[in-house]
Amino acid sequence: MNRLPPAFDEVVLICNNTRPPGAPKHSCGDHGAWELRKWLKRELKKEGLWGEKVRVVLTSCLDFCPSEGVVCSFDRGRSLVKIDAQTDREIVLERIRELCG
């Protein structure tokens, strides 16, 4: 195994897991995770934060399935929050700005 140098300072994880139709558990991927990441990437690029400062990464299941919303982590998975991909996106962007200092 060869260690790679860090490419960015911060990593934000967004669950994008999608289950088959009719599955008994919620799927973050069906509630705007991909669209949220796309929007965040565009906004962070405008501010010059995307790249060396931060990356927003879509993940598979983070094993915390709320009944609605999207699971997100601002500290590389040490803690998780549930967000609404539409109404909370400005709050998520502000939190990422704070991470980037």
C-alpha atoms as a PDB file:
ATOM      1  CA  MET A   1       0.000   0.000   0.000  1.00  0.00           C
ATOM      2  CA  ASN A   2       1.359   3.432  -0.953  1.00  0.00           C
ATOM      3  CA  ARG A   3       0.202   6.500   0.928  1.00  0.00           C
ATOM      4  CA  LEU A   4      -0.869   9.430  -1.267  1.00  0.00           C
ATOM      5  CA  PRO A   5      -0.423  13.059  -0.264  1.00  0.00           C
ATOM      6  CA  PRO A   6      -3.639  14.825   0.753  1.00  0.00           C
ATOM      7  CA  ALA A   7      -5.216  16.561  -2.214  1.00  0.00           C
ATOM      8  CA  PHE A   8      -7.490  18.812  -0.135  1.00  0.00           C
ATOM      9  CA  ASP A   9      -7.913  19.990   3.454  1.00  0.00           C
ATOM     10  CA  GLU A  10     -11.544  19.025   4.143  1.00  0.00           C
ATOM     11  CA  VAL A  11     -13.898  16.276   2.981  1.00  0.00           C
ATOM     12  CA  VAL A  12     -17.688  16.488   3.283  1.00  0.00           C
ATOM     13  CA  LEU A  13     -19.554  13.192   2.882  1.00  0.00           C
ATOM     14  CA  ILE A  14     -23.055  13.022   1.436  1.00  0.00           C
ATOM     15  CA  CYS A  15     -24.909   9.724   1.349  1.00  0.00           C
ATOM     16  CA  ASN A  16     -26.182   8.929  -2.127  1.00  0.00           C
ATOM     17  CA  ASN A  17     -27.335   5.374  -1.473  1.00  0.00           C
ATOM     18  CA  THR A  18     -30.305   4.298  -3.583  1.00  0.00           C
ATOM     19  CA  ARG A  19     -32.440   1.272  -2.863  1.00  0.00           C
ATOM     20  CA  PRO A  20     -34.827  -0.479  -5.236  1.00  0.00           C
ATOM     21  CA  PRO A  21     -38.388   0.870  -5.507  1.00  0.00           C
ATOM     22  CA  GLY A  22     -40.548  -0.392  -2.659  1.00  0.00           C
ATOM     23  CA  ALA A  23     -37.613  -1.005  -0.305  1.00  0.00           C
ATOM     24  CA  PRO A  24     -38.630  -0.693   3.354  1.00  0.00           C
ATOM     25  CA  LYS A  25     -35.795   1.729   4.162  1.00  0.00           C
ATOM     26  CA  HIS A  26     -35.326   5.336   3.031  1.00  0.00           C
ATOM     27  CA  SER A  27     -32.786   6.165   0.292  1.00  0.00           C
ATOM     28  CA  CYS A  28     -30.814   9.404   0.550  1.00  0.00           C
ATOM     29  CA  GLY A  29     -30.111   9.160  -3.181  1.00  0.00           C
ATOM     30  CA  ASP A  30     -33.814   9.548  -3.875  1.00  0.00           C
ATOM     31  CA  HIS A  31     -33.962  12.791  -1.882  1.00  0.00           C
ATOM     32  CA  GLY A  32     -31.599  15.072  -3.759  1.00  0.00           C
ATOM     33  CA  ALA A  33     -28.101  14.005  -2.664  1.00  0.00           C
ATOM     34  CA  TRP A  34     -26.621  14.082  -6.181  1.00  0.00           C
ATOM     35  CA  GLU A  35     -28.227  17.425  -6.993  1.00  0.00           C
ATOM     36  CA  LEU A  36     -26.974  18.879  -3.702  1.00  0.00           C
ATOM     37  CA  ARG A  37     -23.402  17.861  -4.462  1.00  0.00           C
ATOM     38  CA  LYS A  38     -23.631  19.282  -7.974  1.00  0.00           C
ATOM     39  CA  TRP A  39     -24.904  22.620  -6.590  1.00  0.00           C
ATOM     40  CA  LEU A  40     -22.270  22.710  -3.832  1.00  0.00           C
ATOM     41  CA  LYS A  41     -19.478  21.979  -6.310  1.00  0.00           C
ATOM     42  CA  ARG A  42     -20.627  24.840  -8.554  1.00  0.00           C
ATOM     43  CA  GLU A  43     -20.892  27.293  -5.648  1.00  0.00           C
ATOM     44  CA  LEU A  44     -17.581  26.245  -4.083  1.00  0.00           C
ATOM     45  CA  LYS A  45     -15.794  26.570  -7.443  1.00  0.00           C
ATOM     46  CA  LYS A  46     -17.111  30.133  -7.757  1.00  0.00           C
ATOM     47  CA  GLU A  47     -15.552  30.907  -4.377  1.00  0.00           C
ATOM     48  CA  GLY A  48     -12.263  29.165  -5.147  1.00  0.00           C
ATOM     49  CA  LEU A  49     -12.753  26.606  -2.366  1.00  0.00           C
ATOM     50  CA  TRP A  50     -13.251  23.477  -4.471  1.00  0.00           C
ATOM     51  CA  GLY A  51     -10.056  21.574  -4.969  1.00  0.00           C
ATOM     52  CA  GLU A  52      -7.260  22.284  -2.519  1.00  0.00           C
ATOM     53  CA  LYS A  53      -9.589  23.389   0.307  1.00  0.00           C
ATOM     54  CA  VAL A  54     -12.537  21.000   0.148  1.00  0.00           C
ATOM     55  CA  ARG A  55     -14.195  18.174  -1.706  1.00  0.00           C
ATOM     56  CA  VAL A  56     -17.792  17.051  -1.356  1.00  0.00           C
ATOM     57  CA  VAL A  57     -17.925  13.305  -1.886  1.00  0.00           C
ATOM     58  CA  LEU A  58     -20.965  11.147  -2.541  1.00  0.00           C
ATOM     59  CA  THR A  59     -20.877   7.915  -0.571  1.00  0.00           C
ATOM     60  CA  SER A  60     -22.820   4.731  -0.360  1.00  0.00           C
ATOM     61  CA  CYS A  61     -24.883   4.068   2.757  1.00  0.00           C
ATOM     62  CA  LEU A  62     -23.545   5.628   5.961  1.00  0.00           C
ATOM     63  CA  ASP A  63     -25.743   3.222   7.987  1.00  0.00           C
ATOM     64  CA  PHE A  64     -28.000   5.902   9.397  1.00  0.00           C
ATOM     65  CA  CYS A  65     -31.244   5.921   7.463  1.00  0.00           C
ATOM     66  CA  PRO A  66     -33.698   8.647   8.420  1.00  0.00           C
ATOM     67  CA  SER A  67     -37.276   8.509   7.215  1.00  0.00           C
ATOM     68  CA  GLU A  68     -36.600  11.530   4.987  1.00  0.00           C
ATOM     69  CA  GLY A  69     -33.736  13.800   3.979  1.00  0.00           C
ATOM     70  CA  VAL A  70     -30.078  13.151   3.247  1.00  0.00           C
ATOM     71  CA  VAL A  71     -27.331  12.095   5.671  1.00  0.00           C
ATOM     72  CA  CYS A  72     -24.230  14.282   5.623  1.00  0.00           C
ATOM     73  CA  SER A  73     -20.940  14.484   7.557  1.00  0.00           C
ATOM     74  CA  PHE A  74     -18.693  17.533   7.850  1.00  0.00           C
ATOM     75  CA  ASP A  75     -16.005  15.727   9.853  1.00  0.00           C
ATOM     76  CA  ARG A  76     -15.144  12.712   7.695  1.00  0.00           C
ATOM     77  CA  GLY A  77     -17.840  10.509   9.203  1.00  0.00           C
ATOM     78  CA  ARG A  78     -17.216  11.101  12.911  1.00  0.00           C
ATOM     79  CA  SER A  79     -20.673  12.652  13.236  1.00  0.00           C
ATOM     80  CA  LEU A  80     -23.701  12.628  10.972  1.00  0.00           C
ATOM     81  CA  VAL A  81     -26.542  15.087  10.389  1.00  0.00           C
ATOM     82  CA  LYS A  82     -29.791  14.800   8.477  1.00  0.00           C
ATOM     83  CA  ILE A  83     -30.420  17.611   6.011  1.00  0.00           C
ATOM     84  CA  ASP A  84     -33.035  18.552   3.457  1.00  0.00           C
ATOM     85  CA  ALA A  85     -31.145  18.791   0.162  1.00  0.00           C
ATOM     86  CA  GLN A  86     -33.226  21.768  -1.001  1.00  0.00           C
ATOM     87  CA  THR A  87     -34.072  23.861   2.034  1.00  0.00           C
ATOM     88  CA  ASP A  88     -30.795  23.294   3.926  1.00  0.00           C
ATOM     89  CA  ARG A  89     -28.329  23.721   1.065  1.00  0.00           C
ATOM     90  CA  GLU A  90     -27.385  27.304   1.987  1.00  0.00           C
ATOM     91  CA  ILE A  91     -26.757  26.139   5.568  1.00  0.00           C
ATOM     92  CA  VAL A  92     -24.589  23.306   4.262  1.00  0.00           C
ATOM     93  CA  LEU A  93     -22.638  25.754   2.082  1.00  0.00           C
ATOM     94  CA  GLU A  94     -22.096  28.074   5.058  1.00  0.00           C
ATOM     95  CA  ARG A  95     -20.855  25.174   7.186  1.00  0.00           C
ATOM     96  CA  ILE A  96     -18.381  24.226   4.456  1.00  0.00           C
ATOM     97  CA  ARG A  97     -17.156  27.834   4.295  1.00  0.00           C
ATOM     98  CA  GLU A  98     -16.552  27.674   8.052  1.00  0.00           C
ATOM     99  CA  LEU A  99     -14.564  24.458   7.650  1.00  0.00           C
ATOM    100  CA  CYS A 100     -12.374  26.116   5.045  1.00  0.00           C
ATOM    101  CA  GLY A 101     -11.663  29.025   7.378  1.00  0.00           C
END
